[in-house]
Amino acid sequence: MSDLLPPRDAIDIVRSLPHLAHDEAQLILVTGKRGSGKTWLIREWAQRLEPRALYLDIYRSFPDVEVATSLEAALEDLAYWEACRRRVLAPRLGTREWFEYALRRILEHPLRDCLVVLDEVTKFIRTQSQSDALEEFVLQGRQLGLRAIVGCQVIQMIPRLMLSEGTTLISFRVTRPRDKDVLAEWGGPEAAELAPQLTRGRALEIML
């Protein structure tokens, strides 16, 4: 069982959640019902201290970040500029195939020391699937200086590889029984009991 911290306001989590050095593994998972504060936390944390970030954006959730003309253009900019944030608009059709391609390009490119931001991750992957590219990104990302913060509404759909290799799980309000089962598995029964009671803007933090 992992360490469960008491419920806190999202802004306090944003201020205290560390940005690890690029050669340290960091995979932050953020879950919660729509409108609970999940996307806000991802956006605030990524922009507060992270100078280099690649946003794979399907629902146009990060309008303040400059849009690149293509994934290749974003990777070139991030490889060249010391401080740079770029957003790539993911297609709504063929998203899973596009994501597999995007991961492979990220892994092949000489891009280093960068945060990958991915909201609604379950739109990019098949339920509980584990592609070779995703496995390499999760397991070898630290060696390439790649970190990630990902969000989802349904935590039970996140591949177990991401949960087992995650560094932090942040849960806003969760009510689905199977989602609560996942929280209980990783944060203990108290996490599953507290999650449905959380009000908007408050979250649990589980150190995985």
Protein backbone atom coordinates (compact mmCIF):
# COMPACT_ATOMS: atom_id res chain seq x y z
CA MET A 1 0.00 0.00 0.00
CA SER A 2 1.21 3.51 -0.79
CA ASP A 3 1.30 6.64 1.35
CA LEU A 4 -1.98 8.57 1.47
CA LEU A 5 -1.94 12.26 2.35
CA PRO A 6 -5.01 14.01 3.83
CA PRO A 7 -7.37 15.85 1.44
CA ARG A 8 -6.10 19.27 0.40
CA ASP A 9 -7.04 22.16 -1.85
CA ALA A 10 -5.70 21.67 -5.37
CA ILE A 11 -3.68 24.89 -5.20
CA ASP A 12 -1.77 23.55 -2.19
CA ILE A 13 -0.98 20.35 -4.09
CA VAL A 14 0.23 22.39 -7.07
CA ARG A 15 2.54 24.40 -4.82
CA SER A 16 4.00 21.40 -3.01
CA LEU A 17 4.18 18.72 -5.70
CA PRO A 18 7.85 18.53 -6.68
CA HIS A 19 9.29 18.82 -10.16
CA LEU A 20 11.96 16.14 -10.19
CA ALA A 21 15.21 16.42 -12.09
CA HIS A 22 15.01 15.22 -15.68
CA ASP A 23 17.04 12.10 -14.92
CA GLU A 24 14.57 10.97 -12.24
CA ALA A 25 11.40 9.05 -13.03
CA GLN A 26 8.26 11.15 -12.65
CA LEU A 27 4.83 10.03 -13.78
CA ILE A 28 1.93 11.88 -12.19
CA LEU A 29 -1.59 10.52 -12.62
CA VAL A 30 -4.58 12.81 -12.00
CA THR A 31 -8.12 11.44 -11.86
CA GLY A 32 -11.57 12.73 -11.00
CA LYS A 33 -15.06 13.37 -12.30
CA ARG A 34 -15.65 16.05 -14.92
CA GLY A 35 -15.60 19.51 -13.38
CA SER A 36 -13.78 18.45 -10.21
CA GLY A 37 -10.56 20.37 -10.95
CA LYS A 38 -8.44 17.74 -12.67
CA THR A 39 -7.55 19.68 -15.83
CA TRP A 40 -6.96 22.87 -13.85
CA LEU A 41 -4.38 21.12 -11.66
CA ILE A 42 -2.59 19.64 -14.67
CA ARG A 43 -2.44 23.02 -16.40
CA GLU A 44 -1.30 24.93 -13.31
CA TRP A 45 1.36 22.44 -12.27
CA ALA A 46 2.81 22.09 -15.76
CA GLN A 47 3.05 25.85 -16.28
CA ARG A 48 4.17 26.93 -12.81
CA LEU A 49 7.71 25.53 -12.80
CA GLU A 50 8.15 23.45 -15.94
CA PRO A 51 10.03 25.40 -18.65
CA ARG A 52 9.86 22.66 -21.29
CA ALA A 53 6.63 20.83 -22.04
CA LEU A 54 4.88 19.07 -24.91
CA TYR A 55 1.08 19.07 -24.72
CA LEU A 56 -0.84 16.41 -26.67
CA ASP A 57 -4.23 18.08 -26.61
CA ILE A 58 -7.40 16.37 -27.89
CA TYR A 59 -10.06 18.60 -26.31
CA ARG A 60 -8.24 21.94 -26.63
CA SER A 61 -7.84 22.05 -22.86
CA PHE A 62 -4.68 24.20 -22.82
CA PRO A 63 -5.48 27.32 -24.86
CA ASP A 64 -2.66 29.40 -23.33
CA VAL A 65 0.05 27.21 -24.87
CA GLU A 66 1.31 27.96 -28.39
CA VAL A 67 0.06 25.51 -31.01
CA ALA A 68 2.69 23.93 -33.24
CA THR A 69 1.96 23.37 -36.92
CA SER A 70 2.75 19.67 -36.47
CA LEU A 71 4.22 17.16 -34.04
CA GLU A 72 7.53 17.32 -35.90
CA ALA A 73 7.63 21.12 -35.60
CA ALA A 74 6.92 20.89 -31.87
CA LEU A 75 9.71 18.36 -31.34
CA GLU A 76 12.18 20.48 -33.30
CA ASP A 77 11.33 23.58 -31.27
CA LEU A 78 11.61 21.72 -27.98
CA ALA A 79 14.93 20.20 -28.98
CA TYR A 80 16.32 23.62 -29.93
CA TRP A 81 14.98 26.08 -27.35
CA GLU A 82 16.04 25.91 -23.71
CA ALA A 83 12.66 27.18 -22.48
CA CYS A 84 9.75 26.15 -24.68
CA ARG A 85 6.16 24.92 -24.46
CA ARG A 86 4.37 23.58 -27.49
CA ARG A 87 0.89 22.16 -27.98
CA VAL A 88 -0.05 19.61 -30.63
CA LEU A 89 -3.74 19.24 -31.45
CA ALA A 90 -4.51 15.53 -31.47
CA PRO A 91 -7.12 14.29 -33.96
CA ARG A 92 -10.45 13.16 -32.57
CA LEU A 93 -10.66 10.38 -35.16
CA GLY A 94 -7.87 7.81 -35.23
CA THR A 95 -6.54 9.17 -31.96
CA ARG A 96 -5.15 5.87 -30.71
CA GLU A 97 -3.20 5.20 -33.89
CA TRP A 98 -1.94 8.79 -33.89
CA PHE A 99 -0.84 8.49 -30.26
CA GLU A 100 1.15 5.35 -30.99
CA TYR A 101 2.88 7.22 -33.81
CA ALA A 102 3.45 10.27 -31.58
CA LEU A 103 5.02 8.19 -28.82
CA ARG A 104 7.40 6.55 -31.26
CA ARG A 105 8.45 9.92 -32.69
CA ILE A 106 9.00 11.32 -29.19
CA LEU A 107 11.16 8.32 -28.26
CA GLU A 108 13.15 8.44 -31.51
CA HIS A 109 13.71 12.20 -31.52
CA PRO A 110 16.77 13.75 -29.80
CA LEU A 111 14.39 15.50 -27.41
CA ARG A 112 15.56 15.48 -23.81
CA ASP A 113 14.51 17.01 -20.49
CA CYS A 114 10.85 17.57 -21.29
CA LEU A 115 7.45 17.08 -19.64
CA VAL A 116 4.72 15.38 -21.70
CA VAL A 117 1.23 16.62 -20.77
CA LEU A 118 -1.70 14.38 -21.64
CA ASP A 119 -5.25 14.99 -20.41
CA GLU A 120 -7.99 12.38 -20.93
CA VAL A 121 -5.37 9.69 -21.50
CA THR A 122 -8.00 6.98 -21.95
CA LYS A 123 -8.99 8.59 -25.27
CA PHE A 124 -5.46 7.86 -26.52
CA ILE A 125 -5.13 4.23 -25.44
CA ARG A 126 -7.23 1.09 -25.56
CA THR A 127 -8.61 0.04 -22.21
CA GLN A 128 -5.91 -1.70 -20.21
CA SER A 129 -3.83 -2.13 -23.37
CA GLN A 130 -0.07 -1.96 -23.31
CA SER A 131 1.69 -1.11 -26.54
CA ASP A 132 5.44 -1.43 -27.00
CA ALA A 133 5.73 2.32 -27.42
CA LEU A 134 3.79 3.05 -24.23
CA GLU A 135 5.82 0.49 -22.31
CA GLU A 136 9.09 1.99 -23.51
CA PHE A 137 7.94 5.51 -22.72
CA VAL A 138 6.88 4.60 -19.18
CA LEU A 139 9.83 2.35 -18.36
CA GLN A 140 12.64 4.13 -20.22
CA GLY A 141 11.48 7.73 -20.18
CA ARG A 142 13.80 8.67 -17.32
CA GLN A 143 16.86 7.70 -19.37
CA LEU A 144 15.65 10.07 -22.09
CA GLY A 145 14.82 12.88 -19.68
CA LEU A 146 11.09 12.50 -20.32
CA ARG A 147 8.52 12.97 -17.56
CA ALA A 148 4.73 12.95 -17.79
CA ILE A 149 1.57 14.20 -16.15
CA VAL A 150 -1.62 12.54 -17.36
CA GLY A 151 -5.29 12.89 -16.49
CA CYS A 152 -8.37 10.70 -16.81
CA GLN A 153 -11.94 10.54 -15.56
CA VAL A 154 -12.03 6.75 -15.22
CA ILE A 155 -9.02 5.47 -13.31
CA GLN A 156 -9.91 1.80 -13.83
CA MET A 157 -9.13 2.29 -17.54
CA ILE A 158 -5.52 3.35 -16.93
CA PRO A 159 -3.08 0.55 -17.85
CA ARG A 160 -1.66 -1.08 -14.73
CA LEU A 161 1.82 -0.39 -16.04
CA MET A 162 1.22 3.33 -15.58
CA LEU A 163 -0.10 2.81 -12.05
CA SER A 164 2.73 0.52 -11.05
CA GLU A 165 5.38 2.90 -12.42
CA GLY A 166 3.64 6.11 -11.37
CA THR A 167 5.20 8.35 -8.74
CA THR A 168 2.07 10.21 -7.58
CA LEU A 169 -1.68 9.61 -7.93
CA ILE A 170 -3.91 12.63 -7.32
CA SER A 171 -7.61 11.90 -6.99
CA PHE A 172 -10.38 14.44 -7.09
CA ARG A 173 -13.98 13.28 -6.51
CA VAL A 174 -14.49 9.68 -7.65
CA THR A 175 -17.76 7.75 -7.26
CA ARG A 176 -17.67 4.75 -9.62
CA PRO A 177 -17.35 1.50 -7.63
CA ARG A 178 -14.56 0.09 -9.80
CA ASP A 179 -12.64 3.38 -9.62
CA LYS A 180 -12.93 3.27 -5.84
CA ASP A 181 -11.57 -0.30 -5.94
CA VAL A 182 -8.47 0.98 -7.75
CA LEU A 183 -8.03 3.74 -5.16
CA ALA A 184 -8.39 1.19 -2.37
CA GLU A 185 -5.75 -1.01 -3.98
CA TRP A 186 -3.19 1.78 -4.30
CA GLY A 187 -4.11 4.12 -1.43
CA GLY A 188 -5.91 1.84 1.01
CA PRO A 189 -9.58 1.68 2.06
CA GLU A 190 -9.44 5.21 3.47
CA ALA A 191 -8.74 6.61 0.00
CA ALA A 192 -11.79 4.83 -1.43
CA GLU A 193 -13.92 6.10 1.45
CA LEU A 194 -12.78 9.72 1.18
CA ALA A 195 -12.83 10.12 -2.63
CA PRO A 196 -16.65 10.30 -3.07
CA GLN A 197 -16.87 12.94 -0.33
CA LEU A 198 -14.42 15.39 -1.89
CA THR A 199 -15.81 18.77 -2.90
CA ARG A 200 -14.80 20.63 -6.05
CA GLY A 201 -11.16 21.72 -5.94
CA ARG A 202 -10.07 19.31 -3.21
CA ALA A 203 -8.09 16.14 -3.82
CA LEU A 204 -6.26 13.23 -2.27
CA GLU A 205 -2.57 12.70 -2.96
CA ILE A 206 -1.18 9.17 -2.97
CA MET A 207 2.57 8.65 -3.17
CA LEU A 208 2.90 5.49 -5.21
